[in-house]
Each structure stands twice: as C-alpha cells, then as structure tokens.
C-alpha cells in the first residue's frame, strides 16, 4: 500500500505535492488539537450526564504532576500558541 502511494505521489506535479503536504499538515494538526481537547475535557467522548475525567500525569521519583489541570492553561491553547 505504501509503495503504491509513493508511486502516485511521485507522479504529482510540484504544486500538487505541496497541496498534498498542506492537507497532511492540516489533518495532523486537527487530530492533535482534537486529542488535546479530549485530554482537556473540552471535547466530550461520552454522552452520559455523569461524565468521567481524564487525567494526564507525569510521575518521577515518587512525585506526580497533573499535566492537564483544569486550573491551568489548557493543552489546546498551549498547542495553538506554538502553532501560531
């Protein structure tokens, strides 16, 4: 499959290759933003009224840091500031 995609891509003009690259970049940014939105709790993954909470922890030497603390800047905003 990857070989066929490579063959087709290599037959594209420079302008078409750039356009495909832009589509890939946009798709990866949207996927990342959506995933971070799920971690932030701004994108719902369940329809129930009583929703769960996703916590992203970094643990080292017996200490834990909550990386998606609702009281801090959300991950989507951090990602957007890096992209802009």
Protein backbone atom coordinates (compact mmCIF):
# COMPACT_ATOMS: atom_id res chain seq x y z
CA UNK A 1 0.00 0.00 0.00
CA UNK A 2 2.72 2.49 0.95
CA UNK A 3 4.62 1.67 -2.24
CA UNK A 4 1.55 2.43 -4.38
CA UNK A 5 1.02 5.71 -2.53
CA UNK A 6 4.66 6.64 -3.10
CA UNK A 7 4.41 5.87 -6.81
CA UNK A 8 1.28 8.02 -7.17
CA UNK A 9 2.74 10.85 -5.09
CA UNK A 10 5.93 10.91 -7.15
CA UNK A 11 3.84 11.34 -10.32
CA UNK A 12 2.29 14.55 -9.00
CA UNK A 13 3.45 17.99 -10.05
CA UNK A 14 5.36 20.16 -7.58
CA UNK A 15 2.21 22.22 -6.95
CA UNK A 16 0.12 19.08 -6.32
CA UNK A 17 2.76 17.71 -3.92
CA UNK A 18 2.70 20.98 -1.98
CA UNK A 19 -1.11 20.81 -1.81
CA UNK A 20 -0.99 17.22 -0.51
CA UNK A 21 1.57 18.33 2.08
CA UNK A 22 -0.76 21.11 3.23
CA UNK A 23 -3.64 18.63 3.57
CA UNK A 24 -1.45 16.26 5.61
CA UNK A 25 -0.29 19.10 7.86
CA UNK A 26 -3.85 20.30 8.44
CA UNK A 27 -5.09 16.77 9.18
CA UNK A 28 -2.29 16.16 11.69
CA UNK A 29 -2.92 19.50 13.40
CA UNK A 30 -6.66 18.81 13.68
CA UNK A 31 -6.03 15.31 15.04
CA UNK A 32 -3.58 16.66 17.62
CA UNK A 33 -5.92 19.51 18.61
CA UNK A 34 -8.85 17.08 18.97
CA UNK A 35 -6.81 14.68 21.10
CA UNK A 36 -5.67 17.53 23.35
CA UNK A 37 -9.30 18.69 23.57
CA UNK A 38 -10.24 15.25 24.87
CA UNK A 39 -7.45 15.44 27.47
CA UNK A 40 -8.60 18.97 28.42
CA UNK A 41 -12.21 17.83 28.73
CA UNK A 42 -13.42 20.34 26.13
CA UNK A 43 -14.29 17.59 23.65
CA UNK A 44 -16.69 15.01 25.02
CA UNK A 45 -16.08 11.32 24.42
CA UNK A 46 -19.20 10.07 26.18
CA UNK A 47 -22.82 11.13 26.02
CA UNK A 48 -23.80 10.32 29.59
CA UNK A 49 -24.71 13.09 32.05
CA UNK A 50 -22.28 11.72 34.64
CA UNK A 51 -19.01 12.08 32.70
CA UNK A 52 -15.62 10.76 33.69
CA UNK A 53 -12.42 12.77 33.89
CA UNK A 54 -9.18 12.04 32.04
CA UNK A 55 -6.06 12.90 33.99
CA UNK A 56 -2.65 13.07 32.36
CA UNK A 57 0.07 12.56 34.95
CA UNK A 58 3.85 12.80 34.81
CA UNK A 59 5.41 10.74 37.58
CA UNK A 60 9.04 10.70 38.64
CA UNK A 61 10.82 9.92 41.89
CA UNK A 62 7.53 9.36 43.68
CA UNK A 63 6.14 12.75 42.65
CA UNK A 64 3.19 13.32 40.32
CA UNK A 65 2.41 16.37 38.22
CA UNK A 66 -1.04 16.74 36.67
CA UNK A 67 -0.35 17.97 33.14
CA UNK A 68 -3.94 18.75 32.22
CA UNK A 69 -5.02 20.55 35.38
CA UNK A 70 -8.34 22.36 34.78
CA UNK A 71 -6.99 25.31 36.80
CA UNK A 72 -4.03 25.82 34.43
CA UNK A 73 -3.88 26.82 30.77
CA UNK A 74 -5.50 24.10 28.68
CA UNK A 75 -3.39 21.96 26.37
CA UNK A 76 -5.28 23.14 23.26
CA UNK A 77 -4.32 26.75 23.99
CA UNK A 78 -0.69 25.80 24.50
CA UNK A 79 -0.67 23.86 21.22
CA UNK A 80 -2.36 26.75 19.38
CA UNK A 81 0.20 29.23 20.73
CA UNK A 82 3.02 27.03 19.48
CA UNK A 83 1.41 26.68 16.02
CA UNK A 84 0.71 30.42 15.63
